[in-house]
Structures are given as C-alpha cells and as structure tokens.
Amino acid sequence: MVDINKTTSVLQINDLRIWAYHGWYEEERLIGGEYRIDVVMNLIHTPLENELDSTVDYQLVIDAIRAEMSREHKLIESACKSIFERLSKLPIEALEVTITKLDLPINNLKSTSFTLRSA
C-alpha cells in the first residue's frame, strides 16, 4: 500500500514554446528563434484539496517564464539562470529548468539545450 504522506508531488510545465530574441550573434537577436522551456518543480506539500492555493499556479509560472524570456540574453545559459532564480522563490522543494533552442542556423543543428537543477 502506498503511504500518501511519503509521496513527492511534482508539477511540470512541458513544452512551453516561446519566440524570443536571444543569441550571441546580432543576427540571432534580430531574427529571433523558437525556444522550448520545460520546468519540473517538487512541491512542498501534496495538494490534497481542490483549491488553487494548495499548489503552485502554473499560469504564474508561465507568466514568469515569458517575462524573463522577453529580456535579451546572449546565451541560453543566462536566460535559464534568470528563470531559475525567479522560480526558486516559489514554495517548492526542488527545481529543474531546461531551455532548448530549436532549429539553429548552424550546420543543420536541430536543437541545443541547457538545464539548471537544484541539488
């Protein structure tokens, strides 16, 4: 039998697609590109109620991600760090943020990604 008191509650934001203007080269920042953001958050409490205030509102998470992605970053590492720092203020126990840059104009490279994960 599963002990509900020993479970880990995980809220994930999967495959959030955002057009943003990041890149080391000026052309990348002018043209922009598509990014995929994935977030994994271990919640402090298992939401046992049917109330939004018993969990993390994922719309607030998405709004925070969009706000950080609207700022110019030359590296996806920097964009990931700013998202990570902002989301780490939420009532969560663990956090993982991955940014994937899609369809890069470099030697047919389809994507590259960077992840920050709490210890």
C-alpha atoms as a PDB file:
ATOM      1  CA  MET A   1       0.000   0.000   0.000  1.00  0.00           C
ATOM      2  CA  VAL A   2       1.240   3.484  -0.853  1.00  0.00           C
ATOM      3  CA  ASP A   3       1.779   5.890   2.040  1.00  0.00           C
ATOM      4  CA  ILE A   4       0.414   9.212   0.791  1.00  0.00           C
ATOM      5  CA  ASN A   5       2.447  11.017   3.462  1.00  0.00           C
ATOM      6  CA  LYS A   6       5.685   9.823   1.828  1.00  0.00           C
ATOM      7  CA  THR A   7       4.928  10.888  -1.721  1.00  0.00           C
ATOM      8  CA  THR A   8       6.601  13.599  -3.755  1.00  0.00           C
ATOM      9  CA  SER A   9       4.332  15.983  -5.607  1.00  0.00           C
ATOM     10  CA  VAL A  10       5.793  17.088  -8.916  1.00  0.00           C
ATOM     11  CA  LEU A  11       4.337  19.836 -11.079  1.00  0.00           C
ATOM     12  CA  GLN A  12       5.740  20.033 -14.595  1.00  0.00           C
ATOM     13  CA  ILE A  13       5.476  22.650 -17.307  1.00  0.00           C
ATOM     14  CA  ASN A  14       6.121  20.729 -20.518  1.00  0.00           C
ATOM     15  CA  ASP A  15       6.996  22.058 -23.945  1.00  0.00           C
ATOM     16  CA  LEU A  16       6.193  25.747 -23.443  1.00  0.00           C
ATOM     17  CA  ARG A  17       7.068  27.328 -26.797  1.00  0.00           C
ATOM     18  CA  ILE A  18       8.226  30.949 -26.903  1.00  0.00           C
ATOM     19  CA  TRP A  19       9.621  33.074 -29.708  1.00  0.00           C
ATOM     20  CA  ALA A  20      12.489  35.144 -28.303  1.00  0.00           C
ATOM     21  CA  TYR A  21      15.454  37.197 -29.429  1.00  0.00           C
ATOM     22  CA  HIS A  22      18.464  35.587 -27.775  1.00  0.00           C
ATOM     23  CA  GLY A  23      21.816  34.702 -29.252  1.00  0.00           C
ATOM     24  CA  TRP A  24      25.472  35.529 -29.276  1.00  0.00           C
ATOM     25  CA  TYR A  25      25.332  36.884 -32.801  1.00  0.00           C
ATOM     26  CA  GLU A  26      23.465  40.073 -33.669  1.00  0.00           C
ATOM     27  CA  GLU A  27      21.585  38.282 -36.464  1.00  0.00           C
ATOM     28  CA  GLU A  28      20.119  35.831 -33.934  1.00  0.00           C
ATOM     29  CA  ARG A  29      18.910  38.682 -31.754  1.00  0.00           C
ATOM     30  CA  LEU A  30      17.368  40.470 -34.757  1.00  0.00           C
ATOM     31  CA  ILE A  31      15.645  37.466 -36.335  1.00  0.00           C
ATOM     32  CA  GLY A  32      14.748  35.634 -33.149  1.00  0.00           C
ATOM     33  CA  GLY A  33      14.025  31.971 -32.775  1.00  0.00           C
ATOM     34  CA  GLU A  34      11.804  29.408 -31.141  1.00  0.00           C
ATOM     35  CA  TYR A  35      12.615  28.128 -27.664  1.00  0.00           C
ATOM     36  CA  ARG A  36      11.127  25.278 -25.677  1.00  0.00           C
ATOM     37  CA  ILE A  37      11.061  25.592 -21.900  1.00  0.00           C
ATOM     38  CA  ASP A  38      10.458  22.667 -19.552  1.00  0.00           C
ATOM     39  CA  VAL A  39      10.164  23.051 -15.780  1.00  0.00           C
ATOM     40  CA  VAL A  40       9.974  20.418 -13.038  1.00  0.00           C
ATOM     41  CA  MET A  41       9.005  21.566  -9.535  1.00  0.00           C
ATOM     42  CA  ASN A  42       8.806  19.371  -6.449  1.00  0.00           C
ATOM     43  CA  LEU A  43       6.071  20.889  -4.321  1.00  0.00           C
ATOM     44  CA  ILE A  44       6.479  21.316  -0.580  1.00  0.00           C
ATOM     45  CA  HIS A  45       3.032  19.884   0.127  1.00  0.00           C
ATOM     46  CA  THR A  46       0.942  17.346  -1.703  1.00  0.00           C
ATOM     47  CA  PRO A  47      -2.126  19.256  -2.866  1.00  0.00           C
ATOM     48  CA  LEU A  48      -4.950  17.271  -1.311  1.00  0.00           C
ATOM     49  CA  GLU A  49      -7.592  19.913  -1.761  1.00  0.00           C
ATOM     50  CA  ASN A  50      -9.316  21.030  -4.905  1.00  0.00           C
ATOM     51  CA  GLU A  51      -8.080  24.587  -4.383  1.00  0.00           C
ATOM     52  CA  LEU A  52      -5.547  26.552  -6.404  1.00  0.00           C
ATOM     53  CA  ASP A  53      -3.915  27.966  -3.280  1.00  0.00           C
ATOM     54  CA  SER A  54      -2.933  24.421  -2.225  1.00  0.00           C
ATOM     55  CA  THR A  55      -0.487  24.159  -5.123  1.00  0.00           C
ATOM     56  CA  VAL A  56       1.667  26.312  -7.418  1.00  0.00           C
ATOM     57  CA  ASP A  57      -0.391  28.186 -10.003  1.00  0.00           C
ATOM     58  CA  TYR A  58       1.223  27.188 -13.276  1.00  0.00           C
ATOM     59  CA  GLN A  59      -0.152  30.282 -15.011  1.00  0.00           C
ATOM     60  CA  LEU A  60       2.051  32.366 -12.685  1.00  0.00           C
ATOM     61  CA  VAL A  61       4.994  30.137 -13.627  1.00  0.00           C
ATOM     62  CA  ILE A  62       4.283  30.628 -17.342  1.00  0.00           C
ATOM     63  CA  ASP A  63       3.940  34.398 -16.876  1.00  0.00           C
ATOM     64  CA  ALA A  64       7.303  34.492 -15.058  1.00  0.00           C
ATOM     65  CA  ILE A  65       8.964  32.479 -17.830  1.00  0.00           C
ATOM     66  CA  ARG A  66       7.528  34.753 -20.527  1.00  0.00           C
ATOM     67  CA  ALA A  67       8.721  37.845 -18.652  1.00  0.00           C
ATOM     68  CA  GLU A  68      12.275  36.512 -18.364  1.00  0.00           C
ATOM     69  CA  MET A  69      12.340  35.315 -21.983  1.00  0.00           C
ATOM     70  CA  SER A  70      11.281  38.776 -23.156  1.00  0.00           C
ATOM     71  CA  ARG A  71      14.560  40.169 -21.802  1.00  0.00           C
ATOM     72  CA  GLU A  72      17.519  39.924 -24.194  1.00  0.00           C
ATOM     73  CA  HIS A  73      20.125  37.285 -23.366  1.00  0.00           C
ATOM     74  CA  LYS A  74      23.159  36.428 -25.450  1.00  0.00           C
ATOM     75  CA  LEU A  75      23.312  32.894 -24.010  1.00  0.00           C
ATOM     76  CA  ILE A  76      20.545  30.422 -23.207  1.00  0.00           C
ATOM     77  CA  GLU A  77      22.509  29.717 -20.033  1.00  0.00           C
ATOM     78  CA  SER A  78      21.812  33.273 -18.884  1.00  0.00           C
ATOM     79  CA  ALA A  79      18.121  33.060 -19.786  1.00  0.00           C
ATOM     80  CA  CYS A  80      17.841  29.749 -17.937  1.00  0.00           C
ATOM     81  CA  LYS A  81      19.538  31.207 -14.858  1.00  0.00           C
ATOM     82  CA  SER A  82      17.173  34.186 -14.724  1.00  0.00           C
ATOM     83  CA  ILE A  83      14.123  31.884 -14.981  1.00  0.00           C
ATOM     84  CA  PHE A  84      15.591  29.531 -12.368  1.00  0.00           C
ATOM     85  CA  GLU A  85      16.262  32.364  -9.923  1.00  0.00           C
ATOM     86  CA  ARG A  86      12.758  33.763 -10.328  1.00  0.00           C
ATOM     87  CA  LEU A  87      11.019  30.394  -9.933  1.00  0.00           C
ATOM     88  CA  SER A  88      13.184  29.392  -6.971  1.00  0.00           C
ATOM     89  CA  LYS A  89      11.249  31.962  -4.901  1.00  0.00           C
ATOM     90  CA  LEU A  90       8.103  29.813  -5.172  1.00  0.00           C
ATOM     91  CA  PRO A  91       7.096  27.456  -2.332  1.00  0.00           C
ATOM     92  CA  ILE A  92       8.867  24.426  -3.813  1.00  0.00           C
ATOM     93  CA  GLU A  93      11.472  21.932  -2.591  1.00  0.00           C
ATOM     94  CA  ALA A  94      13.336  21.292  -5.825  1.00  0.00           C
ATOM     95  CA  LEU A  95      13.508  22.863  -9.259  1.00  0.00           C
ATOM     96  CA  GLU A  96      14.747  21.984 -12.721  1.00  0.00           C
ATOM     97  CA  VAL A  97      14.588  24.364 -15.690  1.00  0.00           C
ATOM     98  CA  THR A  98      15.581  23.401 -19.239  1.00  0.00           C
ATOM     99  CA  ILE A  99      15.713  25.777 -22.191  1.00  0.00           C
ATOM    100  CA  THR A 100      16.029  24.300 -25.658  1.00  0.00           C
ATOM    101  CA  LYS A 101      16.873  26.485 -28.625  1.00  0.00           C
ATOM    102  CA  LEU A 102      15.209  24.973 -31.688  1.00  0.00           C
ATOM    103  CA  ASP A 103      16.268  24.921 -35.360  1.00  0.00           C
ATOM    104  CA  LEU A 104      19.583  26.710 -35.063  1.00  0.00           C
ATOM    105  CA  PRO A 105      21.079  28.081 -38.265  1.00  0.00           C
ATOM    106  CA  ILE A 106      24.317  26.184 -37.576  1.00  0.00           C
ATOM    107  CA  ASN A 107      25.285  23.150 -39.665  1.00  0.00           C
ATOM    108  CA  ASN A 108      21.761  21.645 -39.622  1.00  0.00           C
ATOM    109  CA  LEU A 109      21.702  21.594 -35.823  1.00  0.00           C
ATOM    110  CA  LYS A 110      18.096  20.913 -34.774  1.00  0.00           C
ATOM    111  CA  SER A 111      18.423  21.957 -31.139  1.00  0.00           C
ATOM    112  CA  THR A 112      20.652  22.643 -28.194  1.00  0.00           C
ATOM    113  CA  SER A 113      19.620  22.867 -24.562  1.00  0.00           C
ATOM    114  CA  PHE A 114      20.790  23.914 -21.131  1.00  0.00           C
ATOM    115  CA  THR A 115      19.468  22.742 -17.755  1.00  0.00           C
ATOM    116  CA  LEU A 116      19.780  24.073 -14.213  1.00  0.00           C
ATOM    117  CA  ARG A 117      18.764  21.704 -11.425  1.00  0.00           C
ATOM    118  CA  SER A 118      18.660  22.292  -7.680  1.00  0.00           C
ATOM    119  CA  ALA A 119      20.727  19.934  -5.584  1.00  0.00           C
END
